[in-house]
Protein backbone atom coordinates (compact mmCIF):
# COMPACT_ATOMS: atom_id res chain seq x y z
CA MET A 1 64.91 -3.44 277.25
CA ASN A 2 64.18 0.60 277.88
CA GLN A 3 64.94 3.33 274.91
CA ILE A 4 67.64 5.06 275.86
CA GLU A 5 67.86 9.31 274.81
CA TYR A 6 70.90 11.42 275.45
CA CYS A 7 71.39 15.27 274.43
CA MET A 8 72.97 16.00 270.98
CA ILE A 9 74.88 19.32 272.82
CA CYS A 10 76.27 17.89 276.24
CA GLY A 11 75.59 14.41 275.56
CA ASN A 12 74.23 13.43 278.82
CA LEU A 13 71.29 11.27 279.17
CA ASN A 14 68.03 12.36 279.38
CA LEU A 15 66.48 9.92 281.76
CA GLU A 16 63.01 12.09 282.24
CA ASN A 17 61.90 12.35 278.29
CA THR A 18 62.56 16.43 279.03
CA LYS A 19 61.64 18.28 276.58
CA ILE A 20 64.69 21.10 277.33
CA CYS A 21 68.34 19.70 278.30
CA ASP A 22 69.57 20.97 282.00
CA CYS A 23 72.26 22.46 279.20
CA GLY A 24 69.49 24.02 277.13
CA SER A 25 69.32 21.73 274.41
CA LYS A 26 66.64 20.71 272.27
CA ASN A 27 67.98 18.33 270.60
CA PHE A 28 67.71 14.22 271.20
CA VAL A 29 68.83 10.93 269.82
CA PHE A 30 66.68 8.28 271.05
CA GLY A 31 66.51 4.08 270.28
CA TYR A 32 68.13 0.92 271.23
CA ASN A 33 71.45 -0.57 271.14
CA PHE A 34 73.52 2.26 270.35
CA THR A 35 76.18 4.70 272.42
CA TYR A 36 76.35 8.69 272.14
CA THR A 37 79.44 9.97 272.82
CA ASN A 38 81.81 12.85 271.66
CA LYS A 39 78.37 13.90 269.57
CA THR A 40 78.91 10.66 267.41
CA VAL A 41 76.40 7.87 267.02
CA LYS A 42 78.00 4.58 266.98
CA CYS A 43 75.83 1.19 266.77
CA ASN A 44 76.09 -1.69 269.10
CA CYS A 45 77.65 -3.74 266.48
CA GLY A 46 80.30 -1.18 266.45
CA ASN A 47 79.62 0.84 263.01
CA ASP A 48 78.70 4.69 262.96
CA GLU A 49 77.61 5.03 259.51
CA PHE A 50 73.59 5.37 259.49
CA ILE A 51 71.09 6.63 256.55
CA MET A 52 68.53 8.49 256.83
CA THR A 53 65.34 6.39 256.61
CA PHE A 54 62.18 8.72 257.80
CA HIS A 55 61.49 12.66 258.83
CA LEU A 56 58.85 14.01 260.37
CA ASN A 57 57.94 17.89 261.01
CA ASN A 58 54.91 17.29 263.68
CA ASN A 59 55.26 20.97 264.94
CA PRO A 60 56.51 21.06 268.04
CA ILE A 61 58.64 18.32 267.16
CA TYR A 62 60.79 17.27 264.07
CA THR A 63 61.97 13.90 263.59
CA LYS A 64 64.51 11.74 262.00
CA ASN A 65 64.87 7.89 261.76
CA TYR A 66 68.39 7.02 260.46
CA GLN A 67 68.79 2.90 259.89
CA CYS A 68 72.60 1.03 261.22
CA THR A 69 74.36 0.47 257.51
CA LYS A 70 75.54 -2.65 258.96
CA CYS A 71 72.89 -4.51 261.09
CA LYS A 72 69.66 -2.14 260.24
CA ASN A 73 69.40 -1.00 264.05
CA ILE A 74 67.00 2.13 264.10
CA ILE A 75 67.51 5.19 266.32
CA GLY A 76 65.73 8.78 266.11
CA MET A 77 66.82 12.10 266.09
CA GLN A 78 64.12 14.98 268.03
CA THR A 79 64.36 18.61 267.91
CA TYR A 80 61.77 20.47 269.74
CA TYR A 81 60.87 23.74 268.62
CA LYS A 82 57.98 26.17 267.61
CA SER A 83 57.40 26.67 264.12
CA PRO A 84 57.11 30.67 263.07
CA TYR A 85 55.09 29.13 260.50
CA LEU A 86 51.81 28.53 262.38
CA ASP A 87 49.33 30.12 264.22
CA GLU A 88 48.65 29.34 267.85
């Protein structure tokens, strides 16, 4: 089973795991056993309610994990960015 990843702006699959979608977005939702339509994450169990369980700001990637409140499936959201507070 392969992990799936969708752009959170246009909703397209990110099949090549790029950091920037063709639409210009740097925001992605990823994981297993979920769908992403109309800017809404829905777990395959039918639930669309999640709680945040983890977040990590690891420049240039900001990651948050969410857990389905019904079946406990985990999905993640990532934003690629360059922090203005860190020198290269």
